[in-house]
Protein backbone atom coordinates (compact mmCIF):
# COMPACT_ATOMS: atom_id res chain seq x y z
CA MET A 1 115.18 101.91 80.77
CA SER A 2 115.77 98.72 82.76
CA ALA A 3 119.55 99.17 82.57
CA LEU A 4 119.17 102.65 84.07
CA VAL A 5 116.94 101.37 86.87
CA ASN A 6 119.39 98.61 87.70
CA HIS A 7 122.30 101.07 87.70
CA MET A 8 120.41 103.50 89.93
CA THR A 9 119.41 100.70 92.30
CA GLN A 10 122.98 99.47 92.56
CA HIS A 11 124.24 103.01 93.09
CA ALA A 12 121.66 103.63 95.84
CA LEU A 13 122.41 100.40 97.66
CA ARG A 14 126.18 100.76 97.39
CA GLY A 15 126.14 104.15 99.06
CA SER A 16 129.16 104.94 101.12
CA ASP A 17 127.22 105.24 104.34
CA PHE A 18 123.91 104.45 105.99
CA GLU A 19 122.59 107.98 105.58
CA THR A 20 122.91 107.94 101.78
CA VAL A 21 121.09 104.64 101.44
CA SER A 22 118.44 105.62 103.98
CA ASN A 23 117.79 109.00 102.38
CA THR A 24 117.54 107.54 98.88
CA LEU A 25 115.22 104.69 99.79
CA GLY A 26 113.22 106.81 102.21
CA ALA A 27 112.60 109.56 99.67
CA THR A 28 111.62 107.03 97.04
CA ALA A 29 109.19 105.30 99.41
CA VAL A 30 107.63 108.61 100.45
CA VAL A 31 107.12 109.79 96.87
CA LEU A 32 105.63 106.46 95.76
CA LEU A 33 103.41 106.33 98.82
CA LEU A 34 102.08 109.84 98.22
CA ILE A 35 101.38 109.10 94.54
CA LEU A 36 99.55 105.88 95.37
CA LEU A 37 97.53 107.44 98.18
CA ALA A 38 96.51 110.30 95.88
CA ALA A 39 95.50 107.76 93.21
CA ARG A 40 93.41 105.87 95.77
CA GLU A 41 91.59 109.05 96.75
CA LEU A 42 90.93 109.95 93.12
CA VAL A 43 89.52 106.49 92.41
CA ARG A 44 87.42 106.61 95.57
CA ALA A 45 86.05 110.05 94.67
CA ALA A 46 85.27 109.01 91.09
CA GLY A 47 83.27 105.99 92.26
CA GLY A 48 81.64 103.82 89.67
CA GLU A 49 81.36 100.10 89.08
CA ARG A 50 85.06 99.42 88.82
CA ALA A 51 86.09 101.58 91.77
CA VAL A 52 86.04 98.72 94.29
CA ARG A 53 88.25 96.58 92.07
CA ARG A 54 90.69 99.42 91.44
CA LEU A 55 90.81 100.31 95.14
CA ARG A 56 91.63 96.69 95.97
CA ALA A 57 94.45 96.70 93.40
CA LEU A 58 95.82 99.98 94.75
CA SER A 59 95.64 98.61 98.31
CA ILE A 60 97.68 95.59 97.28
CA VAL A 61 100.38 97.91 95.95
CA THR A 62 100.17 100.52 98.72
CA LEU A 63 100.60 98.19 101.70
CA PRO A 64 104.12 96.90 100.84
CA ILE A 65 105.34 100.42 100.08
CA PHE A 66 103.88 101.64 103.36
CA ALA A 67 105.65 98.76 105.13
CA SER A 68 108.96 99.70 103.49
CA PHE A 69 108.40 103.32 104.51
CA LEU A 70 107.91 102.20 108.11
CA VAL A 71 111.03 100.03 108.03
CA VAL A 72 113.14 102.89 106.68
CA GLU A 73 111.81 105.35 109.23
CA VAL A 74 112.30 102.93 112.14
CA ALA A 75 115.85 102.26 110.96
CA ARG A 76 116.54 105.98 110.75
CA LEU A 77 115.09 106.53 114.21
CA ALA A 78 117.17 103.70 115.62
CA PHE A 79 120.28 105.17 113.94
CA VAL A 80 119.60 108.54 115.57
CA ILE A 81 118.84 107.10 119.02
CA LEU A 82 121.68 104.61 119.12
């Protein structure tokens, strides 16, 4: 599995143009962000003793992915404007 991930990462980053790399990373960030946000809502709705701890762990993971999503979208916007 790790060999496949490394190959896919190299393939995505060695794209022939900016659009290919941006689309690949942007789509990945969006899908991961949606999955994590849905997981946060499910944990929040379930409640319980461990919910606060799980929400904190999900927040730690969600924030960097959200930041990468913002970076990709700003780069795409700058590419379109410039």
